[in-house]
Amino acid sequence: MDQPRIISLSPWGTGVLAETGLDRWLVGISHKCRVPESAGNLPVVTKPMENDQPLPEDFLQLPRHFPTMILSPFNVDPGILISLKPSHIITESLSPVCRISVNDIEQQLFEWLGYKVKVVHLSDANLGDIFGSVKSVIHALGLPDSNMTAYDKCRKQLTKAGKKMASKKHQPLIGVLMNYFPARFAGRYFSELIPLVGATPLNWPHDIWIPDPVYAYPVPHKVIVAEPDTPLEKQREKLIRYASKILSLWGVNCRIKFYPVDGPDFWDKSCSGLLTTLETIGEIVLDDPKHQQRKGTVWDHW
């Protein structure tokens, strides 16, 4: 059997491969991925999508290169993808305007490339989906569940870490801001991580959009500012500009504490990434100088 040739268009997927020792099969990555040291230099298959570049409305009438347009929200270079001859493509963000199934994409890739490519789409709707997605990667590569050992332990580690850091005094209401305009607060697996440290999530289980000042949601005690692709320093800068706008959603006189975080670290859904995210949330909830090991490097207070 030939060795798998994996292109990972997902930073999370790349982390999963590294933690399970499968990054040796990586042949290409997204420009958003952090390359595992063991993988060496790898070709970058994507670049950022231009803001003014329209996505085609009718995917059934697209030219032959269209599979590259719906595998990722970023520009996938078809020439590089073809040259790498992937057997598997891991992605986590299929185009939001595309309603074509993974099976349909695999069929189109077959017609385009002339051979079968397995597409694995990762989902982060909840912790169950995250662990299920890791299992999907393992199974897609034809490997046994024993390769899931690190992730089988991960749930227990999350629970243990949560209990260690859990707030005993009160249950502050925590919002995770992932987009400014319109304001979007993350639900998903964060609505499961936040209670582990004794706090209450602003919304559960879905993301919520708050386009204008409304009072349908309670005022959070703390808002974690976590645009997914924004590093901590840039997160601080944007918060300085837009904090008053966010406060106006509930009224300028409300008291909300803001905590910018390093976006790529906070949204890392590998096992080590989930633990770091949980511990970051715990440090923010506790607000205790004795438990602020990551302050200034992973998160900050504004």
Protein backbone atom coordinates (compact mmCIF):
# COMPACT_ATOMS: atom_id res chain seq x y z
CA MET A 1 0.00 0.00 0.00
CA ASP A 2 1.33 3.45 -0.97
CA GLN A 3 1.96 5.92 1.81
CA PRO A 4 -0.70 8.62 2.23
CA ARG A 5 0.06 12.04 0.80
CA ILE A 6 -1.82 14.56 2.93
CA ILE A 7 -2.55 18.21 2.23
CA SER A 8 -3.85 19.95 5.34
CA LEU A 9 -5.85 23.12 4.71
CA SER A 10 -6.66 23.25 8.43
CA PRO A 11 -4.31 24.53 11.18
CA TRP A 12 -6.21 22.31 13.58
CA GLY A 13 -5.85 19.32 11.25
CA THR A 14 -2.12 19.91 11.01
CA GLY A 15 -1.93 19.94 14.81
CA VAL A 16 -3.86 16.68 15.00
CA LEU A 17 -1.44 15.02 12.58
CA ALA A 18 1.52 16.23 14.64
CA GLU A 19 0.06 14.97 17.94
CA THR A 20 -0.77 11.56 16.50
CA GLY A 21 2.63 11.19 14.82
CA LEU A 22 1.15 11.27 11.32
CA ASP A 23 2.69 14.55 10.16
CA ARG A 24 5.36 12.50 8.38
CA TRP A 25 2.77 12.06 5.60
CA LEU A 26 2.16 15.78 5.12
CA VAL A 27 3.06 17.06 1.65
CA GLY A 28 1.36 20.49 1.75
CA ILE A 29 -0.29 22.93 4.16
CA SER A 30 -2.37 26.10 4.37
CA HIS A 31 -0.65 29.44 4.92
CA LYS A 32 -2.45 29.49 8.30
CA CYS A 33 -0.86 26.26 9.52
CA ARG A 34 1.95 26.09 12.03
CA VAL A 35 4.39 23.66 10.53
CA PRO A 36 5.47 20.87 12.89
CA GLU A 37 9.27 20.82 13.28
CA SER A 38 9.27 17.15 12.38
CA ALA A 39 7.64 17.90 9.02
CA GLY A 40 10.36 20.25 7.77
CA ASN A 41 9.69 22.75 5.00
CA LEU A 42 6.41 22.10 3.23
CA PRO A 43 4.80 23.73 0.18
CA VAL A 44 2.08 26.27 1.05
CA VAL A 45 -1.06 25.56 -0.94
CA THR A 46 -3.19 28.62 -0.04
CA LYS A 47 -3.07 32.39 0.22
CA PRO A 48 -5.58 34.86 1.69
CA MET A 49 -8.79 35.49 -0.22
CA GLU A 50 -9.02 39.01 -1.62
CA ASN A 51 -11.87 40.97 -0.05
CA ASP A 52 -13.25 42.03 -3.41
CA GLN A 53 -13.07 38.64 -5.05
CA PRO A 54 -16.61 37.37 -5.61
CA LEU A 55 -17.48 33.72 -5.17
CA PRO A 56 -19.48 32.18 -8.03
CA GLU A 57 -23.17 31.79 -7.28
CA ASP A 58 -23.82 28.70 -9.39
CA PHE A 59 -21.39 25.96 -8.45
CA LEU A 60 -22.91 23.54 -10.93
CA GLN A 61 -21.68 25.71 -13.81
CA LEU A 62 -18.16 26.25 -12.52
CA PRO A 63 -15.09 25.50 -14.65
CA ARG A 64 -12.95 22.48 -13.97
CA HIS A 65 -10.78 24.22 -11.35
CA PHE A 66 -13.76 24.81 -9.05
CA PRO A 67 -12.98 22.14 -6.41
CA THR A 68 -10.09 24.31 -5.23
CA MET A 69 -12.53 27.17 -4.62
CA ILE A 70 -14.73 25.25 -2.20
CA LEU A 71 -12.13 23.25 -0.29
CA SER A 72 -11.16 26.29 1.76
CA PRO A 73 -12.24 29.89 2.44
CA PHE A 74 -8.79 30.87 1.13
CA ASN A 75 -7.36 30.78 -2.37
CA VAL A 76 -6.08 27.28 -3.11
CA ASP A 77 -3.38 27.26 -5.77
CA PRO A 78 -4.51 24.57 -8.25
CA GLY A 79 -1.05 24.20 -9.76
CA ILE A 80 0.60 23.44 -6.42
CA LEU A 81 -2.26 21.11 -5.42
CA ILE A 82 -1.92 19.12 -8.66
CA SER A 83 1.86 18.87 -8.36
CA LEU A 84 1.63 17.43 -4.82
CA LYS A 85 -0.64 14.57 -5.94
CA PRO A 86 -2.54 14.30 -2.63
CA SER A 87 -4.32 11.15 -1.55
CA HIS A 88 -6.06 12.98 1.33
CA ILE A 89 -7.13 16.58 1.88
CA ILE A 90 -8.05 17.78 5.37
CA THR A 91 -10.15 20.92 5.66
CA GLU A 92 -12.32 22.52 8.32
CA SER A 93 -13.99 25.40 6.54
CA LEU A 94 -15.71 24.53 3.30
CA SER A 95 -17.00 27.61 1.52
CA PRO A 96 -20.06 28.92 3.42
CA VAL A 97 -21.96 29.52 0.18
CA CYS A 98 -21.38 25.97 -0.98
CA ARG A 99 -23.98 23.34 -0.16
CA ILE A 100 -22.24 20.54 -2.01
CA SER A 101 -21.49 17.49 0.13
CA VAL A 102 -18.01 16.10 0.75
CA ASN A 103 -18.92 13.14 -1.48
CA ASP A 104 -19.78 15.54 -4.31
CA ILE A 105 -16.45 17.32 -3.87
CA GLU A 106 -14.58 14.01 -3.94
CA GLN A 107 -16.38 13.12 -7.17
CA GLN A 108 -15.47 16.46 -8.74
CA LEU A 109 -11.85 16.03 -7.65
CA PHE A 110 -11.83 12.59 -9.25
CA GLU A 111 -13.11 14.01 -12.55
CA TRP A 112 -10.60 16.86 -12.34
CA LEU A 113 -7.48 14.96 -11.19
CA GLY A 114 -8.20 11.56 -12.66
CA TYR A 115 -7.83 9.65 -9.39
CA LYS A 116 -9.61 9.40 -6.04
CA VAL A 117 -8.82 11.82 -3.23
CA LYS A 118 -10.29 11.42 0.26
CA VAL A 119 -11.59 14.70 1.72
CA VAL A 120 -11.95 14.89 5.51
CA HIS A 121 -13.99 17.83 6.79
CA LEU A 122 -13.39 18.70 10.46
CA SER A 123 -16.22 20.12 12.59
CA ASP A 124 -16.00 22.08 15.85
CA ALA A 125 -19.70 22.47 16.72
CA ASN A 126 -18.98 20.87 20.11
CA LEU A 127 -16.35 18.79 21.88
CA GLY A 128 -17.99 15.61 20.63
CA ASP A 129 -17.59 16.84 17.06
CA ILE A 130 -13.96 17.74 17.67
CA PHE A 131 -13.07 14.29 18.98
CA GLY A 132 -15.23 12.68 16.29
CA SER A 133 -13.37 14.65 13.61
CA VAL A 134 -10.03 13.36 14.91
CA LYS A 135 -11.38 9.82 14.65
CA SER A 136 -12.50 10.58 11.07
CA VAL A 137 -8.93 11.53 10.17
CA ILE A 138 -7.58 8.32 11.71
CA HIS A 139 -10.15 6.17 9.91
CA ALA A 140 -9.69 7.98 6.58
CA LEU A 141 -6.02 6.99 6.73
CA GLY A 142 -7.00 3.37 7.34
CA LEU A 143 -5.53 3.31 10.83
CA PRO A 144 -6.91 1.65 14.00
CA ASP A 145 -8.48 3.50 16.93
CA SER A 146 -5.31 2.92 18.94
CA ASN A 147 -3.96 6.05 17.24
CA MET A 148 -6.60 7.97 19.23
CA THR A 149 -4.82 7.35 22.55
CA ALA A 150 -3.77 10.98 23.04
CA TYR A 151 -7.30 12.20 22.39
CA ASP A 152 -8.92 9.55 24.55
CA LYS A 153 -6.90 11.01 27.43
CA CYS A 154 -7.70 14.57 26.41
CA ARG A 155 -11.27 14.61 27.77
CA LYS A 156 -10.07 13.45 31.19
CA GLN A 157 -7.30 16.05 31.12
CA LEU A 158 -9.80 18.80 30.32
CA THR A 159 -12.09 17.78 33.18
CA LYS A 160 -9.17 17.51 35.61
CA ALA A 161 -7.74 20.89 34.58
CA GLY A 162 -11.18 22.48 34.83
CA LYS A 163 -11.75 21.25 38.36
CA LYS A 164 -8.34 22.51 39.42
CA MET A 165 -9.04 26.02 38.15
CA ALA A 166 -12.80 26.27 38.74
CA SER A 167 -14.04 29.47 40.35
CA LYS A 168 -15.54 28.77 43.77
CA LYS A 169 -16.75 32.30 44.51
CA HIS A 170 -19.26 32.94 41.73
CA GLN A 171 -20.11 31.99 38.16
CA PRO A 172 -19.25 35.00 35.99
CA LEU A 173 -20.97 35.32 32.62
CA ILE A 174 -18.36 34.99 29.86
CA GLY A 175 -18.70 36.01 26.23
CA VAL A 176 -16.21 35.05 23.50
CA LEU A 177 -16.15 37.79 20.85
CA MET A 178 -14.93 36.40 17.53
CA ASN A 179 -15.99 39.23 15.19
CA TYR A 180 -16.56 42.98 15.67
CA PHE A 181 -18.89 44.11 12.88
CA PRO A 182 -21.45 42.77 13.22
CA ALA A 183 -20.63 41.54 16.72
CA ARG A 184 -20.44 37.76 16.77
CA PHE A 185 -20.07 35.75 19.96
CA ALA A 186 -18.86 32.15 19.76
CA GLY A 187 -20.88 29.30 21.20
CA ARG A 188 -19.81 25.87 19.94
CA TYR A 189 -17.30 24.03 22.11
CA PHE A 190 -16.59 27.17 24.16
CA SER A 191 -20.02 26.71 25.74
CA GLU A 192 -18.67 23.41 27.10
CA LEU A 193 -15.20 24.63 28.11
CA ILE A 194 -16.39 27.70 30.04
CA PRO A 195 -18.52 25.74 32.58
CA LEU A 196 -15.53 23.47 33.27
CA VAL A 197 -13.85 26.40 35.05
CA GLY A 198 -16.96 27.35 36.99
CA ALA A 199 -18.21 30.14 34.72
CA THR A 200 -21.35 30.57 32.61
CA PRO A 201 -21.23 31.01 28.81
CA LEU A 202 -23.07 33.99 27.33
CA ASN A 203 -24.60 31.77 24.66
CA TRP A 204 -25.04 28.07 24.16
CA PRO A 205 -24.55 26.12 21.97
CA HIS A 206 -24.56 28.23 18.80
CA ASP A 207 -22.78 31.42 17.77
CA ILE A 208 -24.91 34.55 18.06
CA TRP A 209 -24.83 37.72 15.99
CA ILE A 210 -25.69 41.07 17.57
CA PRO A 211 -25.76 43.59 14.69
CA ASP A 212 -27.24 46.52 16.63
CA PRO A 213 -27.75 47.57 20.25
CA VAL A 214 -30.20 45.08 21.73
CA TYR A 215 -31.00 43.94 25.21
CA ALA A 216 -32.16 40.42 24.52
CA TYR A 217 -28.96 39.03 26.06
CA PRO A 218 -27.70 39.63 29.59
CA VAL A 219 -24.63 41.80 30.11
CA PRO A 220 -21.52 39.59 30.37
CA HIS A 221 -19.12 40.17 33.25
CA LYS A 222 -16.15 39.48 31.02
CA VAL A 223 -15.62 39.41 27.25
CA ILE A 224 -12.75 37.39 25.79
CA VAL A 225 -11.77 39.11 22.54
CA ALA A 226 -10.74 36.31 20.23
CA GLU A 227 -10.78 36.97 16.50
CA PRO A 228 -9.49 33.60 15.26
CA ASP A 229 -6.61 34.78 13.04
CA THR A 230 -5.54 37.83 15.06
CA PRO A 231 -2.42 37.61 17.27
CA LEU A 232 -2.45 39.13 20.75
CA GLU A 233 -0.77 42.45 19.90
CA LYS A 234 -3.15 43.14 17.00
CA GLN A 235 -6.04 42.02 19.20
CA ARG A 236 -5.08 44.71 21.72
CA GLU A 237 -4.90 47.39 19.03
CA LYS A 238 -8.32 46.56 17.59
CA LEU A 239 -9.88 46.41 21.03
CA ILE A 240 -8.68 49.94 21.81
CA ARG A 241 -10.45 51.16 18.67
CA TYR A 242 -13.68 49.21 19.00
CA ALA A 243 -14.33 48.61 22.72
CA SER A 244 -16.84 51.49 22.96
CA LYS A 245 -18.75 50.03 20.02
CA ILE A 246 -19.06 46.68 21.80
CA LEU A 247 -20.07 48.35 25.06
CA SER A 248 -22.84 50.18 23.21
CA LEU A 249 -24.53 46.84 22.51
CA TRP A 250 -25.61 46.79 26.14
CA GLY A 251 -25.35 50.47 27.05
CA VAL A 252 -22.29 52.64 27.55
CA ASN A 253 -22.69 52.63 31.33
CA CYS A 254 -22.41 48.86 31.70
CA ARG A 255 -19.27 47.46 33.27
CA ILE A 256 -17.60 44.83 31.16
CA LYS A 257 -14.01 43.70 31.46
CA PHE A 258 -12.25 42.89 28.19
CA TYR A 259 -9.55 40.25 27.78
CA PRO A 260 -7.77 40.09 24.40
CA VAL A 261 -6.19 36.74 23.59
CA ASP A 262 -3.90 35.34 20.93
CA GLY A 263 -6.42 34.17 18.32
CA PRO A 264 -4.48 31.28 16.70
CA ASP A 265 -3.61 29.85 20.14
CA PHE A 266 -7.11 30.30 21.55
CA TRP A 267 -8.78 28.58 18.57
CA ASP A 268 -6.27 25.71 18.36
CA LYS A 269 -8.41 22.56 18.65
CA SER A 270 -5.59 20.04 18.93
CA CYS A 271 -5.42 18.29 22.31
CA SER A 272 -2.67 20.57 23.61
CA GLY A 273 -4.52 23.53 22.11
CA LEU A 274 -7.77 22.72 23.90
CA LEU A 275 -5.93 22.42 27.21
CA THR A 276 -4.19 25.77 26.66
CA THR A 277 -7.53 27.40 25.79
CA LEU A 278 -9.19 25.96 28.89
CA GLU A 279 -6.33 27.13 31.12
CA THR A 280 -6.46 30.59 29.50
CA ILE A 281 -10.19 30.84 30.21
CA GLY A 282 -9.53 29.63 33.76
CA GLU A 283 -6.90 32.31 34.39
CA ILE A 284 -9.27 34.99 33.07
CA VAL A 285 -12.18 33.72 35.20
CA LEU A 286 -10.10 33.46 38.38
CA ASP A 287 -8.48 36.86 37.88
CA ASP A 288 -5.91 35.90 40.52
CA PRO A 289 -2.31 37.11 40.13
CA LYS A 290 -1.15 33.75 41.48
CA HIS A 291 -2.72 32.02 38.47
CA GLN A 292 -1.75 34.18 35.52
CA GLN A 293 1.12 32.31 33.92
CA ARG A 294 -0.02 33.19 30.39
CA LYS A 295 -0.86 36.86 30.94
CA GLY A 296 1.03 39.05 28.50
CA THR A 297 1.89 36.21 26.12
CA VAL A 298 -1.41 34.40 25.43
CA TRP A 299 -3.94 36.82 26.98
CA ASP A 300 -4.11 40.23 28.54
CA HIS A 301 -6.50 42.51 30.46
CA TRP A 302 -7.75 45.76 28.99
